[in-house]
Amino acid sequence: MLKGTIDEFPLIDVLGILQARNKTGRLEIERQAGRGIIYVRLGEPYYAESSLTRSLIGQKLVDIGAITDMQLRKALDRQAESGERLGQILLTHGVISGEHIATAVISQIKDALADLLAWEAGEFRWEAGAEVEVEVPLFGATIGSVDQVVNPLAPQIVPLNAEERDA
């Protein structure tokens, strides 16, 4: 098991080693103010969480222009009644597409990864071989009908309506 402190060995360097060695596993990060986790497959981060960066999927969908505040409020009301996942409600009612969900989830993961990489203090621990099943992976994600490998640190531009797709 690999472990150390971020102030001596920044996470970007740790990820560089994992990438160079094509490693798969989980990097757990902890500091006084919070915790985080980065899952890596074949050297590439594909999922990340940070307790200090928790953006809600509904707000992400508003931020990317996929839905309005009013649509979000209506969907949240339906969610409170049914207990269904917000994204599923919006998909079922034709308000958004799977592309919108993928874009919002990838944005959440990227936010968490960026937050964790900015940490200057704390400890990390690597567990080789650990994996997690995710609905929308950061690396190697397929967005809608566009078959593209997603670079974890590059911005993703996904058309939000038919006019933009056809342009």
Foldseek 3Di string as FASTA:
>chain_A
DDKDKCLVPFPVNVLVVCLVVQFFFKKWWDDPVWIKIFTGGGSHTWFMDIPVQDDDLLVLLVVLVLDPPVVSVVLVVVCVVPVDDSVVSCVVVVSFHQLSSLLSRLVSRLVRVVVRSPDNTTMMDTDTPDDDDDPATNAQGQRPPRRDGHDSNDHDDDDNDDVVVVD
